[in-house]
Amino acid sequence: MRAMTTIERHEDVRASRERVFELIADLHGYDRWLPSSGDYRGTSEISPPPVRVGTTYRETSPSGVRTGVVTALDPPREAVFRQPMALRPRFAGTIDSTVTMRVSEPDASTGTVRVTRLVELGIPRRLALLRGIVVRRYAAESERMLRALASVAED
């Protein structure tokens, strides 16, 4: 049994909806705009382009390995990635993770689109004492990713 947690973060981006979605959906291009961090070392082993439903990839970190798959693409509105993370050490289990990226219609008065990053986590019960740390790290990574996305989209 897993304790489910939802993390939702937003960023208003002064760019076209299509431009923002293109960056989100282009897994092969993440290395051009999303720098590595303590929890994200890059996206690798990506299925050949173009990115579509069923595309697979890997993301590594000192905490474990996320083996991801694109489960939904609805350009330029939404992309969904299921990326369970096999933790290190293995006996810690797997954090189930689904990331939904949504891009709103442009706001006519500001010229911005709102990007929403929704992360649904299934945290193993054996990590109950670390739950707060896990959630904070995923939330911080969501915020970092959205800031980097806005920075490159607005150029």
N, C-alpha and C. Protein backbone atom coordinates (compact mmCIF):
# COMPACT_ATOMS: atom_id res chain seq x y z
N MET A 1 0.84 -1.19 0.00
CA MET A 1 0.00 0.00 0.00
C MET A 1 0.88 1.25 0.00
N ARG A 2 0.46 2.25 -0.73
CA ARG A 2 1.22 3.48 -0.85
C ARG A 2 0.38 4.67 -0.38
N ALA A 3 1.03 5.62 0.25
CA ALA A 3 0.38 6.87 0.60
C ALA A 3 0.46 7.78 -0.62
N MET A 4 -0.67 8.25 -1.11
CA MET A 4 -0.69 9.09 -2.30
C MET A 4 -0.59 10.57 -1.91
N THR A 5 0.19 11.30 -2.70
CA THR A 5 0.38 12.73 -2.50
C THR A 5 0.32 13.42 -3.85
N THR A 6 -0.28 14.60 -3.89
CA THR A 6 -0.33 15.39 -5.11
C THR A 6 0.39 16.71 -4.87
N ILE A 7 1.27 17.06 -5.78
CA ILE A 7 2.00 18.33 -5.74
C ILE A 7 1.59 19.10 -6.99
N GLU A 8 1.16 20.34 -6.82
CA GLU A 8 0.77 21.16 -7.96
C GLU A 8 1.50 22.49 -7.90
N ARG A 9 2.19 22.81 -8.98
CA ARG A 9 2.91 24.07 -9.08
C ARG A 9 2.55 24.73 -10.41
N HIS A 10 2.67 26.07 -10.44
CA HIS A 10 2.29 26.85 -11.63
C HIS A 10 3.39 27.85 -11.95
N GLU A 11 3.46 28.20 -13.22
CA GLU A 11 4.36 29.27 -13.66
C GLU A 11 3.68 29.97 -14.83
N ASP A 12 3.59 31.30 -14.77
CA ASP A 12 3.08 32.07 -15.89
C ASP A 12 4.25 32.39 -16.81
N VAL A 13 4.07 32.08 -18.08
CA VAL A 13 5.16 32.18 -19.06
C VAL A 13 4.72 33.09 -20.20
N ARG A 14 5.55 34.07 -20.50
CA ARG A 14 5.26 34.99 -21.61
C ARG A 14 5.83 34.39 -22.90
N ALA A 15 5.07 33.45 -23.44
CA ALA A 15 5.45 32.77 -24.69
C ALA A 15 4.19 32.13 -25.25
N SER A 16 4.27 31.71 -26.49
CA SER A 16 3.10 31.07 -27.09
C SER A 16 2.88 29.68 -26.47
N ARG A 17 1.66 29.28 -26.47
CA ARG A 17 1.29 27.95 -25.97
C ARG A 17 2.05 26.86 -26.72
N GLU A 18 2.16 27.03 -28.04
CA GLU A 18 2.84 26.05 -28.88
C GLU A 18 4.32 25.94 -28.54
N ARG A 19 4.96 27.09 -28.31
CA ARG A 19 6.39 27.10 -27.96
C ARG A 19 6.63 26.37 -26.64
N VAL A 20 5.79 26.65 -25.64
CA VAL A 20 5.94 26.02 -24.33
C VAL A 20 5.71 24.52 -24.44
N PHE A 21 4.67 24.12 -25.14
CA PHE A 21 4.38 22.69 -25.26
C PHE A 21 5.50 21.97 -26.02
N GLU A 22 6.02 22.62 -27.04
CA GLU A 22 7.12 22.02 -27.81
C GLU A 22 8.31 21.69 -26.91
N LEU A 23 8.64 22.60 -26.00
CA LEU A 23 9.74 22.36 -25.07
C LEU A 23 9.43 21.20 -24.12
N ILE A 24 8.21 21.16 -23.61
CA ILE A 24 7.80 20.10 -22.68
C ILE A 24 7.86 18.73 -23.36
N ALA A 25 7.38 18.66 -24.58
CA ALA A 25 7.26 17.37 -25.28
C ALA A 25 8.57 16.89 -25.91
N ASP A 26 9.54 17.77 -26.06
CA ASP A 26 10.80 17.40 -26.72
C ASP A 26 11.80 16.83 -25.70
N LEU A 27 11.61 15.59 -25.32
CA LEU A 27 12.51 14.96 -24.35
C LEU A 27 13.96 14.98 -24.82
N HIS A 28 14.18 14.88 -26.12
CA HIS A 28 15.54 14.89 -26.67
C HIS A 28 16.23 16.24 -26.47
N GLY A 29 15.45 17.30 -26.25
CA GLY A 29 16.02 18.63 -26.10
C GLY A 29 16.16 19.13 -24.67
N TYR A 30 15.77 18.32 -23.69
CA TYR A 30 15.83 18.78 -22.30
C TYR A 30 17.23 19.22 -21.89
N ASP A 31 18.25 18.55 -22.41
CA ASP A 31 19.61 18.91 -22.02
C ASP A 31 20.00 20.32 -22.46
N ARG A 32 19.24 20.90 -23.39
CA ARG A 32 19.53 22.26 -23.86
C ARG A 32 18.95 23.33 -22.94
N TRP A 33 17.99 22.97 -22.08
CA TRP A 33 17.38 24.01 -21.25
C TRP A 33 17.19 23.63 -19.77
N LEU A 34 17.28 22.35 -19.43
CA LEU A 34 17.08 21.94 -18.04
C LEU A 34 18.39 21.44 -17.46
N PRO A 35 19.08 22.30 -16.72
CA PRO A 35 20.37 21.88 -16.15
C PRO A 35 20.17 20.77 -15.11
N SER A 36 21.23 20.02 -14.90
CA SER A 36 21.15 18.95 -13.91
C SER A 36 21.10 19.56 -12.51
N SER A 37 20.64 18.74 -11.58
CA SER A 37 20.55 19.15 -10.18
C SER A 37 20.86 17.92 -9.32
N GLY A 38 20.75 18.07 -8.02
CA GLY A 38 20.97 16.94 -7.14
C GLY A 38 19.96 15.82 -7.35
N ASP A 39 18.76 16.17 -7.82
CA ASP A 39 17.71 15.18 -8.02
C ASP A 39 17.44 14.85 -9.48
N TYR A 40 18.13 15.50 -10.39
CA TYR A 40 17.93 15.27 -11.83
C TYR A 40 19.29 15.37 -12.52
N ARG A 41 19.75 14.27 -13.08
CA ARG A 41 21.05 14.26 -13.75
C ARG A 41 20.92 14.27 -15.26
N GLY A 42 19.69 14.30 -15.75
CA GLY A 42 19.49 14.33 -17.19
C GLY A 42 18.54 13.23 -17.63
N THR A 43 18.09 13.37 -18.87
CA THR A 43 17.19 12.39 -19.48
C THR A 43 18.00 11.63 -20.52
N SER A 44 17.94 10.31 -20.45
CA SER A 44 18.75 9.48 -21.35
C SER A 44 17.93 8.30 -21.85
N GLU A 45 18.56 7.54 -22.71
CA GLU A 45 17.95 6.32 -23.26
C GLU A 45 16.53 6.60 -23.76
N ILE A 46 16.39 7.70 -24.49
CA ILE A 46 15.09 8.12 -25.01
C ILE A 46 14.81 7.37 -26.31
N SER A 47 13.57 6.90 -26.46
CA SER A 47 13.17 6.25 -27.72
C SER A 47 13.45 7.21 -28.87
N PRO A 48 13.65 6.67 -30.08
CA PRO A 48 13.90 7.54 -31.24
C PRO A 48 12.76 8.54 -31.46
N PRO A 49 13.11 9.74 -31.99
CA PRO A 49 12.08 10.74 -32.27
C PRO A 49 11.14 10.27 -33.37
N PRO A 50 9.97 10.84 -33.45
CA PRO A 50 9.44 11.90 -32.60
C PRO A 50 8.90 11.34 -31.28
N VAL A 51 8.81 12.22 -30.28
CA VAL A 51 8.21 11.84 -29.01
C VAL A 51 6.71 11.66 -29.23
N ARG A 52 6.20 10.55 -28.75
CA ARG A 52 4.77 10.23 -28.89
C ARG A 52 4.35 9.35 -27.72
N VAL A 53 3.08 9.04 -27.63
CA VAL A 53 2.61 8.12 -26.60
C VAL A 53 3.38 6.81 -26.77
N GLY A 54 3.93 6.33 -25.67
CA GLY A 54 4.75 5.11 -25.71
C GLY A 54 6.25 5.37 -25.71
N THR A 55 6.67 6.61 -25.96
CA THR A 55 8.10 6.94 -25.89
C THR A 55 8.60 6.65 -24.49
N THR A 56 9.76 6.02 -24.40
CA THR A 56 10.35 5.69 -23.10
C THR A 56 11.65 6.47 -22.90
N TYR A 57 12.05 6.59 -21.62
CA TYR A 57 13.27 7.32 -21.27
C TYR A 57 13.69 6.94 -19.86
N ARG A 58 14.89 7.39 -19.48
CA ARG A 58 15.41 7.17 -18.12
C ARG A 58 15.95 8.48 -17.57
N GLU A 59 15.77 8.66 -16.27
CA GLU A 59 16.35 9.78 -15.55
C GLU A 59 17.02 9.22 -14.31
N THR A 60 18.27 9.59 -14.11
CA THR A 60 19.01 9.07 -12.97
C THR A 60 19.29 10.17 -11.96
N SER A 61 19.45 9.74 -10.72
CA SER A 61 19.85 10.62 -9.64
C SER A 61 20.53 9.75 -8.59
N PRO A 62 21.18 10.35 -7.61
CA PRO A 62 21.77 9.55 -6.55
C PRO A 62 20.74 8.73 -5.77
N SER A 63 19.49 9.19 -5.77
CA SER A 63 18.42 8.49 -5.03
C SER A 63 17.86 7.28 -5.76
N GLY A 64 18.03 7.24 -7.09
CA GLY A 64 17.48 6.12 -7.85
C GLY A 64 17.36 6.41 -9.33
N VAL A 65 16.58 5.56 -10.01
CA VAL A 65 16.40 5.68 -11.45
C VAL A 65 14.91 5.72 -11.77
N ARG A 66 14.52 6.75 -12.53
CA ARG A 66 13.15 6.84 -13.04
C ARG A 66 13.13 6.23 -14.43
N THR A 67 12.26 5.27 -14.64
CA THR A 67 12.06 4.69 -15.96
C THR A 67 10.71 5.20 -16.44
N GLY A 68 10.74 6.12 -17.39
CA GLY A 68 9.53 6.82 -17.79
C GLY A 68 8.96 6.38 -19.11
N VAL A 69 7.68 6.71 -19.26
CA VAL A 69 6.97 6.49 -20.51
C VAL A 69 5.96 7.63 -20.69
N VAL A 70 5.85 8.11 -21.92
CA VAL A 70 4.84 9.12 -22.24
C VAL A 70 3.51 8.39 -22.35
N THR A 71 2.54 8.78 -21.51
CA THR A 71 1.25 8.08 -21.52
C THR A 71 0.15 8.86 -22.23
N ALA A 72 0.34 10.16 -22.41
CA ALA A 72 -0.65 10.96 -23.13
C ALA A 72 0.02 12.21 -23.69
N LEU A 73 -0.39 12.59 -24.90
CA LEU A 73 0.04 13.84 -25.54
C LEU A 73 -1.19 14.45 -26.19
N ASP A 74 -1.48 15.69 -25.84
CA ASP A 74 -2.60 16.42 -26.44
C ASP A 74 -2.10 17.82 -26.77
N PRO A 75 -1.30 17.95 -27.84
CA PRO A 75 -0.71 19.24 -28.18
C PRO A 75 -1.78 20.29 -28.47
N PRO A 76 -1.59 21.51 -28.09
CA PRO A 76 -0.55 22.05 -27.22
C PRO A 76 -1.01 22.17 -25.76
N ARG A 77 -1.91 21.30 -25.33
CA ARG A 77 -2.53 21.42 -24.02
C ARG A 77 -1.87 20.63 -22.90
N GLU A 78 -1.57 19.35 -23.17
CA GLU A 78 -1.19 18.47 -22.07
C GLU A 78 -0.26 17.35 -22.51
N ALA A 79 0.68 17.04 -21.61
CA ALA A 79 1.56 15.88 -21.77
C ALA A 79 1.61 15.17 -20.42
N VAL A 80 1.54 13.83 -20.46
CA VAL A 80 1.56 13.04 -19.23
C VAL A 80 2.69 12.03 -19.31
N PHE A 81 3.46 11.96 -18.22
CA PHE A 81 4.61 11.08 -18.13
C PHE A 81 4.48 10.22 -16.88
N ARG A 82 4.51 8.92 -17.03
CA ARG A 82 4.55 8.02 -15.86
C ARG A 82 6.00 7.63 -15.68
N GLN A 83 6.53 7.88 -14.47
CA GLN A 83 7.96 7.66 -14.27
C GLN A 83 8.25 7.15 -12.86
N PRO A 84 7.92 5.89 -12.60
CA PRO A 84 8.25 5.32 -11.30
C PRO A 84 9.76 5.34 -11.06
N MET A 85 10.13 5.60 -9.81
CA MET A 85 11.54 5.70 -9.45
C MET A 85 11.93 4.53 -8.57
N ALA A 86 12.80 3.66 -9.09
CA ALA A 86 13.38 2.57 -8.31
C ALA A 86 14.46 3.18 -7.43
N LEU A 87 14.25 3.12 -6.13
CA LEU A 87 15.14 3.80 -5.19
C LEU A 87 16.43 3.02 -4.95
N ARG A 88 17.44 3.79 -4.54
CA ARG A 88 18.70 3.21 -4.09
C ARG A 88 18.76 3.45 -2.59
N PRO A 89 18.97 2.48 -1.77
CA PRO A 89 19.11 1.06 -2.09
C PRO A 89 17.76 0.44 -2.45
N ARG A 90 17.82 -0.66 -3.18
CA ARG A 90 16.62 -1.31 -3.72
C ARG A 90 15.56 -1.64 -2.66
N PHE A 91 16.00 -2.01 -1.44
CA PHE A 91 15.02 -2.40 -0.43
C PHE A 91 14.11 -1.24 -0.02
N ALA A 92 14.49 0.01 -0.40
CA ALA A 92 13.64 1.17 -0.09
C ALA A 92 12.37 1.17 -0.92
N GLY A 93 12.39 0.43 -2.05
CA GLY A 93 11.18 0.31 -2.86
C GLY A 93 11.17 1.23 -4.06
N THR A 94 9.96 1.54 -4.50
CA THR A 94 9.75 2.36 -5.69
C THR A 94 8.75 3.46 -5.38
N ILE A 95 9.08 4.68 -5.76
CA ILE A 95 8.12 5.79 -5.67
C ILE A 95 7.40 5.85 -7.00
N ASP A 96 6.10 5.62 -6.97
CA ASP A 96 5.31 5.72 -8.20
C ASP A 96 5.10 7.21 -8.48
N SER A 97 5.24 7.61 -9.71
CA SER A 97 5.16 9.03 -10.04
C SER A 97 4.53 9.21 -11.41
N THR A 98 3.53 10.08 -11.46
CA THR A 98 2.95 10.50 -12.73
C THR A 98 3.00 12.02 -12.77
N VAL A 99 3.57 12.56 -13.85
CA VAL A 99 3.71 14.00 -14.01
C VAL A 99 2.83 14.44 -15.18
N THR A 100 1.93 15.37 -14.90
CA THR A 100 1.07 15.94 -15.92
C THR A 100 1.46 17.40 -16.11
N MET A 101 1.77 17.75 -17.33
CA MET A 101 2.12 19.13 -17.68
C MET A 101 0.99 19.69 -18.53
N ARG A 102 0.40 20.79 -18.05
CA ARG A 102 -0.70 21.44 -18.77
C ARG A 102 -0.31 22.86 -19.14
N VAL A 103 -0.70 23.29 -20.33
CA VAL A 103 -0.44 24.65 -20.80
C VAL A 103 -1.79 25.28 -21.12
N SER A 104 -2.09 26.40 -20.45
CA SER A 104 -3.39 27.05 -20.60
C SER A 104 -3.50 27.81 -21.92
N GLU A 105 -4.72 28.20 -22.21
CA GLU A 105 -4.95 29.17 -23.29
C GLU A 105 -4.23 30.46 -22.91
N PRO A 106 -3.77 31.23 -23.89
CA PRO A 106 -3.11 32.50 -23.56
C PRO A 106 -4.08 33.47 -22.89
N ASP A 107 -3.57 34.22 -21.94
CA ASP A 107 -4.34 35.28 -21.29
C ASP A 107 -4.24 36.51 -22.19
N ALA A 108 -5.36 36.98 -22.71
CA ALA A 108 -5.37 38.08 -23.66
C ALA A 108 -4.80 39.37 -23.08
N SER A 109 -4.98 39.59 -21.79
CA SER A 109 -4.52 40.85 -21.20
C SER A 109 -3.02 40.84 -20.87
N THR A 110 -2.45 39.67 -20.59
CA THR A 110 -1.03 39.64 -20.19
C THR A 110 -0.12 39.01 -21.25
N GLY A 111 -0.71 38.25 -22.17
CA GLY A 111 0.11 37.57 -23.18
C GLY A 111 0.84 36.37 -22.61
N THR A 112 0.40 35.88 -21.47
CA THR A 112 1.07 34.73 -20.86
C THR A 112 0.20 33.48 -20.94
N VAL A 113 0.87 32.35 -20.81
CA VAL A 113 0.18 31.08 -20.62
C VAL A 113 0.56 30.57 -19.23
N ARG A 114 -0.35 29.87 -18.60
CA ARG A 114 -0.04 29.28 -17.30
C ARG A 114 0.33 27.83 -17.52
N VAL A 115 1.52 27.47 -17.03
CA VAL A 115 1.98 26.09 -17.10
C VAL A 115 1.75 25.48 -15.71
N THR A 116 1.05 24.37 -15.70
CA THR A 116 0.79 23.66 -14.45
C THR A 116 1.53 22.34 -14.50
N ARG A 117 2.25 22.06 -13.44
CA ARG A 117 2.94 20.78 -13.29
C ARG A 117 2.30 20.07 -12.10
N LEU A 118 1.62 18.98 -12.39
CA LEU A 118 0.92 18.19 -11.39
C LEU A 118 1.67 16.86 -11.23
N VAL A 119 2.16 16.61 -10.02
CA VAL A 119 2.91 15.39 -9.75
C VAL A 119 2.10 14.56 -8.76
N GLU A 120 1.78 13.34 -9.15
CA GLU A 120 1.08 12.41 -8.26
C GLU A 120 2.08 11.35 -7.83
N LEU A 121 2.29 11.28 -6.53
CA LEU A 121 3.29 10.38 -5.96
C LEU A 121 2.63 9.27 -5.16
N GLY A 122 3.10 8.07 -5.36
CA GLY A 122 2.77 6.94 -4.50
C GLY A 122 4.02 6.58 -3.73
N ILE A 123 4.04 6.95 -2.46
CA ILE A 123 5.24 6.77 -1.64
C ILE A 123 5.08 5.50 -0.81
N PRO A 124 6.06 4.58 -0.91
CA PRO A 124 5.96 3.34 -0.13
C PRO A 124 5.83 3.61 1.37
N ARG A 125 5.01 2.82 2.04
CA ARG A 125 4.80 2.99 3.49
C ARG A 125 6.12 2.89 4.26
N ARG A 126 7.04 2.10 3.76
CA ARG A 126 8.31 1.96 4.49
C ARG A 126 9.09 3.27 4.52
N LEU A 127 8.68 4.24 3.69
CA LEU A 127 9.33 5.56 3.70
C LEU A 127 8.51 6.59 4.48
N ALA A 128 7.58 6.15 5.30
CA ALA A 128 6.68 7.07 6.01
C ALA A 128 7.43 8.15 6.77
N LEU A 129 8.52 7.82 7.40
CA LEU A 129 9.27 8.81 8.17
C LEU A 129 9.98 9.83 7.28
N LEU A 130 10.20 9.46 6.03
CA LEU A 130 10.89 10.36 5.09
C LEU A 130 9.92 11.06 4.14
N ARG A 131 8.64 10.82 4.31
CA ARG A 131 7.61 11.34 3.39
C ARG A 131 7.73 12.86 3.19
N GLY A 132 7.88 13.62 4.26
CA GLY A 132 7.99 15.06 4.14
C GLY A 132 9.19 15.49 3.30
N ILE A 133 10.30 14.81 3.49
CA ILE A 133 11.51 15.11 2.71
C ILE A 133 11.29 14.79 1.23
N VAL A 134 10.70 13.64 0.96
CA VAL A 134 10.44 13.23 -0.42
C VAL A 134 9.54 14.24 -1.11
N VAL A 135 8.46 14.64 -0.45
CA VAL A 135 7.51 15.59 -1.04
C VAL A 135 8.19 16.94 -1.27
N ARG A 136 8.96 17.42 -0.31
CA ARG A 136 9.67 18.71 -0.49
C ARG A 136 10.64 18.66 -1.67
N ARG A 137 11.33 17.55 -1.83
CA ARG A 137 12.29 17.45 -2.93
C ARG A 137 11.58 17.42 -4.29
N TYR A 138 10.49 16.68 -4.38
CA TYR A 138 9.72 16.67 -5.63
C TYR A 138 9.13 18.05 -5.92
N ALA A 139 8.64 18.74 -4.89
CA ALA A 139 8.08 20.08 -5.08
C ALA A 139 9.16 21.06 -5.53
N ALA A 140 10.32 21.00 -4.91
CA ALA A 140 11.42 21.89 -5.29
C ALA A 140 11.86 21.63 -6.72
N GLU A 141 11.91 20.37 -7.11
CA GLU A 141 12.30 20.03 -8.49
C GLU A 141 11.25 20.53 -9.48
N SER A 142 9.97 20.45 -9.12
CA SER A 142 8.91 20.98 -9.99
C SER A 142 9.09 22.48 -10.19
N GLU A 143 9.35 23.21 -9.11
CA GLU A 143 9.54 24.65 -9.21
C GLU A 143 10.77 24.99 -10.04
N ARG A 144 11.86 24.26 -9.86
CA ARG A 144 13.08 24.50 -10.63
C ARG A 144 12.84 24.26 -12.11
N MET A 145 12.14 23.18 -12.42
CA MET A 145 11.85 22.84 -13.81
C MET A 145 10.99 23.92 -14.46
N LEU A 146 9.97 24.39 -13.76
CA LEU A 146 9.08 25.41 -14.33
C LEU A 146 9.83 26.73 -14.55
N ARG A 147 10.70 27.11 -13.63
CA ARG A 147 11.49 28.34 -13.81
C ARG A 147 12.41 28.22 -15.03
N ALA A 148 13.06 27.07 -15.19
CA ALA A 148 13.95 26.87 -16.33
C ALA A 148 13.15 26.88 -17.65
N LEU A 149 11.99 26.26 -17.64
CA LEU A 149 11.12 26.24 -18.82
C LEU A 149 10.72 27.66 -19.20
N ALA A 150 10.31 28.44 -18.21
CA ALA A 150 9.91 29.83 -18.49
C ALA A 150 11.07 30.64 -19.04
N SER A 151 12.24 30.45 -18.46
CA SER A 151 13.42 31.20 -18.87
C SER A 151 13.75 30.98 -20.35
N VAL A 152 13.72 29.74 -20.78
CA VAL A 152 14.08 29.46 -22.18
C VAL A 152 12.92 29.78 -23.12
N ALA A 153 11.69 29.56 -22.70
CA ALA A 153 10.53 29.84 -23.57
C ALA A 153 10.38 31.33 -23.84
N GLU A 154 10.75 32.14 -22.87
CA GLU A 154 10.58 33.59 -23.00
C GLU A 154 11.71 34.24 -23.79
N ASP A 155 12.76 33.52 -24.12
CA ASP A 155 13.87 34.11 -24.90
C ASP A 155 13.45 34.46 -26.30
